[in-house]
N, C-alpha and C. Protein backbone atom coordinates (compact mmCIF):
# COMPACT_ATOMS: atom_id res chain seq x y z
N MET A 1 0.85 -1.17 0.00
CA MET A 1 0.00 0.00 0.00
C MET A 1 0.90 1.23 0.00
N PHE A 2 0.53 2.23 -0.75
CA PHE A 2 1.30 3.46 -0.81
C PHE A 2 0.65 4.53 0.06
N PRO A 3 1.44 5.50 0.52
CA PRO A 3 0.84 6.54 1.36
C PRO A 3 -0.09 7.43 0.54
N TYR A 4 -1.25 7.65 1.03
CA TYR A 4 -2.26 8.50 0.40
C TYR A 4 -2.57 9.59 1.40
N THR A 5 -2.35 10.82 1.03
CA THR A 5 -2.49 11.93 1.96
C THR A 5 -3.76 12.72 1.66
N PRO A 6 -4.15 13.60 2.58
CA PRO A 6 -5.33 14.45 2.32
C PRO A 6 -5.18 15.29 1.05
N LEU A 7 -3.96 15.71 0.72
CA LEU A 7 -3.77 16.48 -0.51
C LEU A 7 -4.08 15.64 -1.73
N ASP A 8 -3.71 14.36 -1.71
CA ASP A 8 -4.05 13.47 -2.82
C ASP A 8 -5.56 13.35 -2.95
N GLN A 9 -6.27 13.32 -1.84
CA GLN A 9 -7.72 13.16 -1.87
C GLN A 9 -8.38 14.33 -2.58
N SER A 10 -8.00 15.56 -2.25
CA SER A 10 -8.63 16.70 -2.91
C SER A 10 -8.18 16.81 -4.36
N LEU A 11 -6.94 16.40 -4.65
CA LEU A 11 -6.47 16.39 -6.04
C LEU A 11 -7.30 15.42 -6.86
N SER A 12 -7.57 14.24 -6.30
CA SER A 12 -8.38 13.25 -7.01
C SER A 12 -9.75 13.81 -7.37
N ARG A 13 -10.37 14.50 -6.43
CA ARG A 13 -11.70 15.08 -6.71
C ARG A 13 -11.62 16.13 -7.81
N ASP A 14 -10.59 16.98 -7.77
CA ASP A 14 -10.43 18.01 -8.79
C ASP A 14 -10.21 17.39 -10.17
N LEU A 15 -9.36 16.36 -10.24
CA LEU A 15 -9.10 15.72 -11.53
C LEU A 15 -10.35 15.05 -12.08
N SER A 16 -11.12 14.45 -11.20
CA SER A 16 -12.35 13.80 -11.64
C SER A 16 -13.31 14.82 -12.25
N LYS A 17 -13.41 15.97 -11.63
CA LYS A 17 -14.29 17.02 -12.13
C LYS A 17 -13.82 17.54 -13.48
N LYS A 18 -12.50 17.48 -13.75
CA LYS A 18 -11.95 17.99 -15.01
C LYS A 18 -11.93 16.94 -16.11
N GLY A 19 -12.43 15.75 -15.84
CA GLY A 19 -12.54 14.73 -16.87
C GLY A 19 -11.30 13.88 -17.08
N VAL A 20 -10.35 13.91 -16.18
CA VAL A 20 -9.15 13.08 -16.30
C VAL A 20 -9.55 11.63 -16.13
N LYS A 21 -9.04 10.75 -17.00
CA LYS A 21 -9.44 9.34 -16.98
C LYS A 21 -8.65 8.50 -15.99
N TRP A 22 -7.33 8.68 -15.91
CA TRP A 22 -6.48 7.86 -15.05
C TRP A 22 -5.41 8.72 -14.40
N ILE A 23 -5.01 8.37 -13.20
CA ILE A 23 -3.92 9.06 -12.52
C ILE A 23 -2.95 8.03 -11.95
N GLU A 24 -1.70 8.45 -11.80
CA GLU A 24 -0.67 7.58 -11.22
C GLU A 24 -0.14 8.28 -9.98
N PHE A 25 -0.16 7.59 -8.85
CA PHE A 25 0.33 8.15 -7.60
C PHE A 25 1.82 7.89 -7.45
N LYS A 26 2.48 8.74 -6.69
CA LYS A 26 3.89 8.57 -6.40
C LYS A 26 4.12 7.22 -5.72
N ASN A 27 5.25 6.59 -5.99
CA ASN A 27 5.66 5.31 -5.39
C ASN A 27 4.84 4.12 -5.86
N THR A 28 4.15 4.23 -6.97
CA THR A 28 3.42 3.09 -7.52
C THR A 28 3.39 3.22 -9.04
N GLU A 29 3.33 2.11 -9.72
CA GLU A 29 3.24 2.13 -11.19
C GLU A 29 1.80 1.89 -11.65
N LYS A 30 0.89 1.67 -10.72
CA LYS A 30 -0.50 1.40 -11.07
C LYS A 30 -1.23 2.68 -11.43
N LEU A 31 -2.23 2.54 -12.29
CA LEU A 31 -3.10 3.66 -12.64
C LEU A 31 -4.43 3.50 -11.92
N TYR A 32 -4.98 4.61 -11.49
CA TYR A 32 -6.23 4.60 -10.75
C TYR A 32 -7.18 5.60 -11.37
N PRO A 33 -8.49 5.35 -11.27
CA PRO A 33 -9.44 6.37 -11.72
C PRO A 33 -9.33 7.59 -10.81
N PRO A 34 -9.61 8.77 -11.33
CA PRO A 34 -9.43 9.98 -10.51
C PRO A 34 -10.34 10.06 -9.30
N ASN A 35 -11.41 9.29 -9.27
CA ASN A 35 -12.30 9.32 -8.11
C ASN A 35 -11.94 8.24 -7.08
N TYR A 36 -10.77 7.63 -7.23
CA TYR A 36 -10.31 6.60 -6.30
C TYR A 36 -10.10 7.19 -4.91
N GLU A 37 -10.69 6.57 -3.92
CA GLU A 37 -10.51 6.99 -2.53
C GLU A 37 -10.22 5.76 -1.70
N PRO A 38 -8.97 5.59 -1.27
CA PRO A 38 -8.63 4.39 -0.50
C PRO A 38 -9.20 4.42 0.90
N ASN A 39 -9.11 3.30 1.58
CA ASN A 39 -9.60 3.27 2.94
C ASN A 39 -8.48 3.49 3.94
N PHE A 40 -7.29 3.90 3.48
CA PHE A 40 -6.13 4.14 4.33
C PHE A 40 -5.53 5.49 3.98
N ILE A 41 -5.31 6.34 4.98
CA ILE A 41 -4.69 7.64 4.76
C ILE A 41 -3.60 7.86 5.80
N GLN A 42 -2.50 8.45 5.37
CA GLN A 42 -1.40 8.76 6.26
C GLN A 42 -1.49 10.24 6.66
N VAL A 43 -1.39 10.51 7.96
CA VAL A 43 -1.38 11.89 8.46
C VAL A 43 -0.15 12.09 9.33
N LYS A 44 0.38 13.33 9.33
CA LYS A 44 1.65 13.55 10.03
C LYS A 44 1.51 14.00 11.47
N ASP A 45 0.38 14.64 11.82
CA ASP A 45 0.23 15.13 13.19
C ASP A 45 -1.25 15.22 13.55
N PRO A 46 -1.57 15.45 14.82
CA PRO A 46 -2.98 15.51 15.24
C PRO A 46 -3.79 16.56 14.48
N LYS A 47 -3.18 17.69 14.17
CA LYS A 47 -3.89 18.75 13.44
C LYS A 47 -4.32 18.25 12.06
N GLU A 48 -3.42 17.57 11.36
CA GLU A 48 -3.75 17.06 10.02
C GLU A 48 -4.82 15.95 10.12
N LEU A 49 -4.80 15.18 11.18
CA LEU A 49 -5.83 14.16 11.39
C LEU A 49 -7.20 14.81 11.48
N VAL A 50 -7.32 15.85 12.28
CA VAL A 50 -8.59 16.57 12.43
C VAL A 50 -9.03 17.18 11.11
N GLU A 51 -8.08 17.81 10.39
CA GLU A 51 -8.41 18.42 9.10
C GLU A 51 -8.92 17.37 8.11
N THR A 52 -8.27 16.23 8.09
CA THR A 52 -8.67 15.15 7.19
C THR A 52 -10.06 14.63 7.53
N LEU A 53 -10.32 14.42 8.79
CA LEU A 53 -11.64 13.93 9.21
C LEU A 53 -12.73 14.96 8.93
N ASN A 54 -12.39 16.24 9.00
CA ASN A 54 -13.37 17.29 8.71
C ASN A 54 -13.65 17.44 7.22
N MET A 55 -12.80 16.84 6.37
CA MET A 55 -13.00 16.93 4.91
C MET A 55 -13.95 15.85 4.41
N ASP A 56 -14.68 15.19 5.30
CA ASP A 56 -15.57 14.10 4.93
C ASP A 56 -14.82 12.99 4.22
N SER A 57 -13.68 12.65 4.76
CA SER A 57 -12.86 11.59 4.20
C SER A 57 -13.60 10.26 4.24
N THR A 58 -13.45 9.48 3.16
CA THR A 58 -14.06 8.15 3.13
C THR A 58 -13.14 7.11 3.76
N ALA A 59 -11.93 7.50 4.08
CA ALA A 59 -10.97 6.56 4.67
C ALA A 59 -11.46 6.11 6.04
N LYS A 60 -11.15 4.87 6.35
CA LYS A 60 -11.55 4.31 7.64
C LYS A 60 -10.35 4.00 8.52
N HIS A 61 -9.18 3.95 7.90
CA HIS A 61 -7.96 3.59 8.63
C HIS A 61 -6.93 4.69 8.43
N TYR A 62 -6.29 5.08 9.52
CA TYR A 62 -5.35 6.20 9.48
C TYR A 62 -4.02 5.77 10.09
N PHE A 63 -2.93 6.03 9.36
CA PHE A 63 -1.61 5.84 9.93
C PHE A 63 -1.12 7.21 10.37
N CYS A 64 -0.86 7.35 11.64
CA CYS A 64 -0.48 8.63 12.23
C CYS A 64 1.03 8.69 12.41
N GLY A 65 1.65 9.71 11.87
CA GLY A 65 3.09 9.90 12.00
C GLY A 65 3.46 10.54 13.33
N PHE A 66 2.72 10.22 14.36
CA PHE A 66 2.99 10.72 15.70
C PHE A 66 2.65 9.62 16.70
N ASN A 67 3.04 9.80 17.94
CA ASN A 67 2.82 8.79 18.98
C ASN A 67 1.39 8.85 19.53
N LYS A 68 0.93 7.72 20.03
CA LYS A 68 -0.42 7.62 20.58
C LYS A 68 -0.64 8.60 21.73
N ASP A 69 0.40 8.84 22.53
CA ASP A 69 0.22 9.72 23.70
C ASP A 69 0.01 11.19 23.33
N GLU A 70 0.09 11.52 22.04
CA GLU A 70 -0.19 12.89 21.60
C GLU A 70 -1.69 13.14 21.39
N LEU A 71 -2.51 12.09 21.48
CA LEU A 71 -3.96 12.27 21.37
C LEU A 71 -4.50 12.84 22.67
N THR A 72 -5.21 13.91 22.57
CA THR A 72 -5.83 14.53 23.75
C THR A 72 -7.23 13.95 23.95
N TYR A 73 -7.77 14.16 25.13
CA TYR A 73 -9.13 13.70 25.41
C TYR A 73 -10.15 14.32 24.43
N PRO A 74 -10.09 15.64 24.17
CA PRO A 74 -11.05 16.22 23.20
C PRO A 74 -10.92 15.60 21.80
N LEU A 75 -9.70 15.26 21.40
CA LEU A 75 -9.52 14.64 20.08
C LEU A 75 -10.11 13.22 20.08
N LYS A 76 -9.92 12.48 21.15
CA LYS A 76 -10.52 11.14 21.24
C LYS A 76 -12.04 11.23 21.22
N TYR A 77 -12.59 12.22 21.90
CA TYR A 77 -14.04 12.44 21.90
C TYR A 77 -14.52 12.72 20.48
N PHE A 78 -13.78 13.57 19.75
CA PHE A 78 -14.10 13.90 18.37
C PHE A 78 -14.03 12.65 17.49
N LEU A 79 -13.00 11.82 17.69
CA LEU A 79 -12.84 10.61 16.89
C LEU A 79 -14.05 9.68 17.02
N ASN A 80 -14.64 9.65 18.19
CA ASN A 80 -15.80 8.79 18.40
C ASN A 80 -17.01 9.23 17.60
N LYS A 81 -17.00 10.43 17.08
CA LYS A 81 -18.10 10.94 16.27
C LYS A 81 -17.83 10.78 14.77
N THR A 82 -16.72 10.14 14.43
CA THR A 82 -16.35 9.95 13.02
C THR A 82 -16.55 8.50 12.61
N LYS A 83 -16.24 8.22 11.34
CA LYS A 83 -16.36 6.86 10.81
C LYS A 83 -15.02 6.12 10.85
N ALA A 84 -14.05 6.67 11.54
CA ALA A 84 -12.73 6.03 11.63
C ALA A 84 -12.86 4.67 12.31
N GLU A 85 -12.20 3.67 11.73
CA GLU A 85 -12.25 2.31 12.30
C GLU A 85 -10.95 1.92 12.99
N SER A 86 -9.86 2.60 12.65
CA SER A 86 -8.60 2.31 13.34
C SER A 86 -7.61 3.44 13.15
N LEU A 87 -6.75 3.57 14.13
CA LEU A 87 -5.63 4.51 14.09
C LEU A 87 -4.38 3.73 14.45
N SER A 88 -3.35 3.83 13.61
CA SER A 88 -2.05 3.23 13.92
C SER A 88 -1.06 4.37 14.10
N PHE A 89 -0.15 4.21 15.04
CA PHE A 89 0.76 5.28 15.40
C PHE A 89 2.21 4.90 15.13
N SER A 90 3.05 5.91 15.04
CA SER A 90 4.46 5.67 14.74
C SER A 90 5.18 4.94 15.87
N ASP A 91 4.60 4.91 17.07
CA ASP A 91 5.22 4.18 18.17
C ASP A 91 4.76 2.71 18.21
N GLY A 92 4.05 2.27 17.16
CA GLY A 92 3.64 0.87 17.05
C GLY A 92 2.32 0.53 17.71
N GLN A 93 1.68 1.48 18.34
CA GLN A 93 0.40 1.22 19.00
C GLN A 93 -0.76 1.49 18.03
N SER A 94 -1.91 0.92 18.33
CA SER A 94 -3.12 1.11 17.53
C SER A 94 -4.31 1.35 18.43
N LEU A 95 -5.30 2.05 17.91
CA LEU A 95 -6.55 2.28 18.63
C LEU A 95 -7.72 1.91 17.73
N TYR A 96 -8.78 1.42 18.35
CA TYR A 96 -10.00 1.06 17.64
C TYR A 96 -11.17 1.64 18.43
N PRO A 97 -12.30 1.90 17.78
CA PRO A 97 -13.45 2.45 18.52
C PRO A 97 -13.92 1.49 19.60
N PRO A 98 -14.43 1.98 20.67
CA PRO A 98 -14.50 3.41 21.01
C PRO A 98 -13.12 3.93 21.42
N PHE A 99 -12.81 5.12 20.94
CA PHE A 99 -11.51 5.74 21.20
C PHE A 99 -11.53 6.35 22.59
N THR A 100 -10.86 5.70 23.54
CA THR A 100 -10.82 6.21 24.92
C THR A 100 -9.41 6.29 25.43
């Protein structure tokens, strides 16, 4: 699986609207339709995680480039109101709903 970021997600939507038939993502030789939305997204910090979830992301699994202990109680509360199914962290830990 290749890293898919929130920027790729909005780019995909823009390309789809412009009639582009196929796109190739960095680090892969495969072609994808421009409306492709994977179920895995990589985020670098808690702020980007919140921004991604607020963009109505269809992703259900998130790889976080930060440690689990950086999640605050308000962020965990917010996560419980989303469709996220799992969070994996750079320290090797994972969380699943309910996020507590």
